[in-house]
Amino acid sequence: MTVTAALYAETVRSALQRKYGPLRNAAKIIGRATGVSHRTAQNWMDGTCAPRGAELIRLVASCDELADDINRLIKEAKCSNR
């Protein structure tokens, strides 16, 4: 499996929707937890863009679902490189 920017953005979007999607102020909650604007957080939730390195680390620290999905992508990428 090749990890593309689109796959990465979709992985982030999916995890954020599962955890925060039902919440009324989801983007604001994510923004506060990661130190980004609510608009940036909304873009992540929409899948139009994905977090950069430091943002990803802060996001993973607050979202176990995303940590699990990112680790799954890493394992799949390792297996396909063998």
N, C-alpha and C. Protein backbone atom coordinates (compact mmCIF):
# COMPACT_ATOMS: atom_id res chain seq x y z
N MET A 1 0.85 -1.17 0.00
CA MET A 1 0.00 0.00 0.00
C MET A 1 0.90 1.24 0.00
N THR A 2 0.52 2.20 -0.81
CA THR A 2 1.23 3.46 -0.85
C THR A 2 0.42 4.50 -0.08
N VAL A 3 1.07 5.14 0.86
CA VAL A 3 0.40 6.18 1.63
C VAL A 3 0.50 7.48 0.85
N THR A 4 -0.63 7.98 0.42
CA THR A 4 -0.69 9.23 -0.34
C THR A 4 -1.22 10.34 0.55
N ALA A 5 -1.11 11.55 0.07
CA ALA A 5 -1.66 12.70 0.80
C ALA A 5 -3.17 12.55 0.96
N ALA A 6 -3.82 12.04 -0.08
CA ALA A 6 -5.27 11.85 -0.02
C ALA A 6 -5.65 10.80 1.02
N LEU A 7 -4.90 9.71 1.08
CA LEU A 7 -5.17 8.66 2.06
C LEU A 7 -4.94 9.18 3.47
N TYR A 8 -3.88 9.94 3.65
CA TYR A 8 -3.59 10.53 4.96
C TYR A 8 -4.71 11.47 5.39
N ALA A 9 -5.14 12.37 4.50
CA ALA A 9 -6.22 13.31 4.82
C ALA A 9 -7.51 12.56 5.14
N GLU A 10 -7.79 11.50 4.39
CA GLU A 10 -9.01 10.71 4.64
C GLU A 10 -8.93 9.98 5.97
N THR A 11 -7.77 9.50 6.33
CA THR A 11 -7.58 8.83 7.62
C THR A 11 -7.84 9.80 8.77
N VAL A 12 -7.31 11.00 8.66
CA VAL A 12 -7.53 12.03 9.69
C VAL A 12 -9.01 12.38 9.74
N ARG A 13 -9.61 12.63 8.58
CA ARG A 13 -11.02 13.00 8.52
C ARG A 13 -11.90 11.94 9.17
N SER A 14 -11.67 10.70 8.82
CA SER A 14 -12.48 9.61 9.34
C SER A 14 -12.38 9.50 10.86
N ALA A 15 -11.17 9.55 11.39
CA ALA A 15 -10.98 9.45 12.84
C ALA A 15 -11.63 10.63 13.57
N LEU A 16 -11.46 11.83 13.04
CA LEU A 16 -12.05 13.01 13.69
C LEU A 16 -13.57 12.96 13.63
N GLN A 17 -14.11 12.49 12.53
CA GLN A 17 -15.57 12.39 12.42
C GLN A 17 -16.12 11.36 13.41
N ARG A 18 -15.41 10.26 13.58
CA ARG A 18 -15.87 9.24 14.53
C ARG A 18 -15.87 9.77 15.95
N LYS A 19 -14.82 10.48 16.33
CA LYS A 19 -14.73 10.96 17.72
C LYS A 19 -15.50 12.25 17.96
N TYR A 20 -15.36 13.21 17.06
CA TYR A 20 -15.90 14.54 17.31
C TYR A 20 -17.13 14.90 16.48
N GLY A 21 -17.42 14.12 15.44
CA GLY A 21 -18.50 14.45 14.52
C GLY A 21 -19.84 14.75 15.17
N PRO A 22 -20.26 13.97 16.17
CA PRO A 22 -21.56 14.23 16.79
C PRO A 22 -21.60 15.48 17.67
N LEU A 23 -20.45 16.03 18.01
CA LEU A 23 -20.42 17.18 18.91
C LEU A 23 -20.74 18.47 18.18
N ARG A 24 -21.47 19.33 18.84
CA ARG A 24 -21.93 20.58 18.22
C ARG A 24 -20.78 21.50 17.83
N ASN A 25 -19.81 21.67 18.69
CA ASN A 25 -18.68 22.57 18.45
C ASN A 25 -17.39 21.79 18.21
N ALA A 26 -17.46 20.77 17.40
CA ALA A 26 -16.33 19.88 17.20
C ALA A 26 -15.08 20.61 16.74
N ALA A 27 -15.20 21.48 15.77
CA ALA A 27 -14.01 22.18 15.24
C ALA A 27 -13.37 23.07 16.29
N LYS A 28 -14.17 23.70 17.11
CA LYS A 28 -13.62 24.55 18.18
C LYS A 28 -12.92 23.70 19.23
N ILE A 29 -13.48 22.56 19.55
CA ILE A 29 -12.86 21.65 20.53
C ILE A 29 -11.51 21.16 20.01
N ILE A 30 -11.47 20.75 18.76
CA ILE A 30 -10.22 20.27 18.15
C ILE A 30 -9.21 21.41 18.08
N GLY A 31 -9.67 22.58 17.69
CA GLY A 31 -8.79 23.74 17.59
C GLY A 31 -8.13 24.08 18.91
N ARG A 32 -8.94 24.08 19.98
CA ARG A 32 -8.37 24.37 21.31
C ARG A 32 -7.37 23.30 21.74
N ALA A 33 -7.67 22.05 21.44
CA ALA A 33 -6.79 20.95 21.86
C ALA A 33 -5.46 20.95 21.11
N THR A 34 -5.46 21.50 19.90
CA THR A 34 -4.26 21.43 19.08
C THR A 34 -3.59 22.78 18.84
N GLY A 35 -4.24 23.86 19.25
CA GLY A 35 -3.66 25.19 19.07
C GLY A 35 -3.79 25.74 17.67
N VAL A 36 -4.81 25.29 16.94
CA VAL A 36 -5.07 25.81 15.60
C VAL A 36 -6.42 26.51 15.58
N SER A 37 -6.70 27.22 14.52
CA SER A 37 -8.00 27.88 14.40
C SER A 37 -9.10 26.85 14.18
N HIS A 38 -10.32 27.26 14.50
CA HIS A 38 -11.43 26.33 14.29
C HIS A 38 -11.63 26.07 12.80
N ARG A 39 -11.25 27.02 11.95
CA ARG A 39 -11.36 26.83 10.50
C ARG A 39 -10.39 25.75 10.03
N THR A 40 -9.18 25.77 10.56
CA THR A 40 -8.21 24.72 10.22
C THR A 40 -8.72 23.37 10.67
N ALA A 41 -9.24 23.31 11.89
CA ALA A 41 -9.79 22.05 12.40
C ALA A 41 -10.96 21.58 11.54
N GLN A 42 -11.79 22.51 11.09
CA GLN A 42 -12.92 22.15 10.23
C GLN A 42 -12.42 21.59 8.89
N ASN A 43 -11.35 22.18 8.36
CA ASN A 43 -10.77 21.64 7.12
C ASN A 43 -10.28 20.22 7.31
N TRP A 44 -9.69 19.92 8.47
CA TRP A 44 -9.28 18.54 8.75
C TRP A 44 -10.48 17.63 8.81
N MET A 45 -11.55 18.09 9.45
CA MET A 45 -12.77 17.27 9.56
C MET A 45 -13.45 17.07 8.21
N ASP A 46 -13.27 18.02 7.31
CA ASP A 46 -13.85 17.91 5.97
C ASP A 46 -12.97 17.10 5.03
N GLY A 47 -11.71 16.89 5.42
CA GLY A 47 -10.78 16.15 4.58
C GLY A 47 -10.16 16.98 3.47
N THR A 48 -10.32 18.30 3.52
CA THR A 48 -9.75 19.15 2.48
C THR A 48 -8.26 19.38 2.67
N CYS A 49 -7.79 19.20 3.90
CA CYS A 49 -6.35 19.23 4.18
C CYS A 49 -6.12 18.40 5.44
N ALA A 50 -4.85 18.20 5.75
CA ALA A 50 -4.50 17.37 6.90
C ALA A 50 -3.44 18.08 7.73
N PRO A 51 -3.33 17.72 9.00
CA PRO A 51 -2.37 18.38 9.87
C PRO A 51 -0.92 18.11 9.47
N ARG A 52 -0.07 19.13 9.72
CA ARG A 52 1.37 18.98 9.53
C ARG A 52 1.95 18.29 10.76
N GLY A 53 3.23 18.09 10.77
CA GLY A 53 3.92 17.30 11.80
C GLY A 53 3.57 17.64 13.24
N ALA A 54 3.86 18.86 13.68
CA ALA A 54 3.62 19.23 15.08
C ALA A 54 2.12 19.22 15.39
N GLU A 55 1.31 19.63 14.42
CA GLU A 55 -0.14 19.61 14.62
C GLU A 55 -0.63 18.17 14.78
N LEU A 56 -0.07 17.27 13.96
CA LEU A 56 -0.46 15.86 14.05
C LEU A 56 -0.13 15.29 15.42
N ILE A 57 1.03 15.61 15.93
CA ILE A 57 1.43 15.09 17.25
C ILE A 57 0.46 15.58 18.32
N ARG A 58 0.11 16.87 18.30
CA ARG A 58 -0.85 17.39 19.28
C ARG A 58 -2.22 16.76 19.10
N LEU A 59 -2.61 16.53 17.85
CA LEU A 59 -3.92 15.93 17.57
C LEU A 59 -3.96 14.47 18.03
N VAL A 60 -2.92 13.73 17.75
CA VAL A 60 -2.85 12.32 18.17
C VAL A 60 -2.87 12.23 19.70
N ALA A 61 -2.24 13.21 20.37
CA ALA A 61 -2.23 13.21 21.83
C ALA A 61 -3.64 13.37 22.41
N SER A 62 -4.53 13.98 21.64
CA SER A 62 -5.89 14.20 22.14
C SER A 62 -6.93 13.28 21.50
N CYS A 63 -6.51 12.43 20.57
CA CYS A 63 -7.47 11.58 19.86
C CYS A 63 -6.89 10.19 19.66
N ASP A 64 -7.23 9.27 20.57
CA ASP A 64 -6.72 7.91 20.49
C ASP A 64 -7.13 7.21 19.20
N GLU A 65 -8.31 7.53 18.70
CA GLU A 65 -8.78 6.92 17.45
C GLU A 65 -7.83 7.23 16.30
N LEU A 66 -7.38 8.47 16.24
CA LEU A 66 -6.44 8.86 15.19
C LEU A 66 -5.10 8.18 15.38
N ALA A 67 -4.64 8.08 16.61
CA ALA A 67 -3.38 7.38 16.88
C ALA A 67 -3.44 5.95 16.38
N ASP A 68 -4.54 5.27 16.64
CA ASP A 68 -4.71 3.89 16.18
C ASP A 68 -4.70 3.81 14.65
N ASP A 69 -5.40 4.73 13.99
CA ASP A 69 -5.46 4.71 12.53
C ASP A 69 -4.11 5.03 11.90
N ILE A 70 -3.39 5.98 12.47
CA ILE A 70 -2.05 6.32 11.95
C ILE A 70 -1.11 5.13 12.13
N ASN A 71 -1.16 4.48 13.28
CA ASN A 71 -0.32 3.30 13.50
C ASN A 71 -0.67 2.18 12.53
N ARG A 72 -1.95 2.03 12.20
CA ARG A 72 -2.36 1.02 11.22
C ARG A 72 -1.77 1.34 9.85
N LEU A 73 -1.81 2.61 9.46
CA LEU A 73 -1.22 3.02 8.17
C LEU A 73 0.28 2.72 8.14
N ILE A 74 0.95 3.00 9.24
CA ILE A 74 2.39 2.76 9.32
C ILE A 74 2.68 1.27 9.16
N LYS A 75 1.95 0.44 9.87
CA LYS A 75 2.15 -1.02 9.77
C LYS A 75 1.89 -1.52 8.36
N GLU A 76 0.82 -1.03 7.73
CA GLU A 76 0.50 -1.46 6.36
C GLU A 76 1.59 -1.02 5.39
N ALA A 77 2.11 0.19 5.59
CA ALA A 77 3.17 0.69 4.71
C ALA A 77 4.44 -0.14 4.89
N LYS A 78 4.75 -0.53 6.11
CA LYS A 78 5.93 -1.36 6.37
C LYS A 78 5.79 -2.71 5.68
N CYS A 79 4.62 -3.30 5.79
CA CYS A 79 4.39 -4.60 5.19
C CYS A 79 4.50 -4.56 3.66
N SER A 80 4.03 -3.48 3.06
CA SER A 80 4.07 -3.38 1.60
C SER A 80 5.47 -3.06 1.09
N ASN A 81 6.36 -2.58 1.95
CA ASN A 81 7.73 -2.26 1.53
C ASN A 81 8.65 -3.46 1.61
N ARG A 82 8.17 -4.56 2.10
CA ARG A 82 9.03 -5.76 2.24
C ARG A 82 9.10 -6.55 0.97
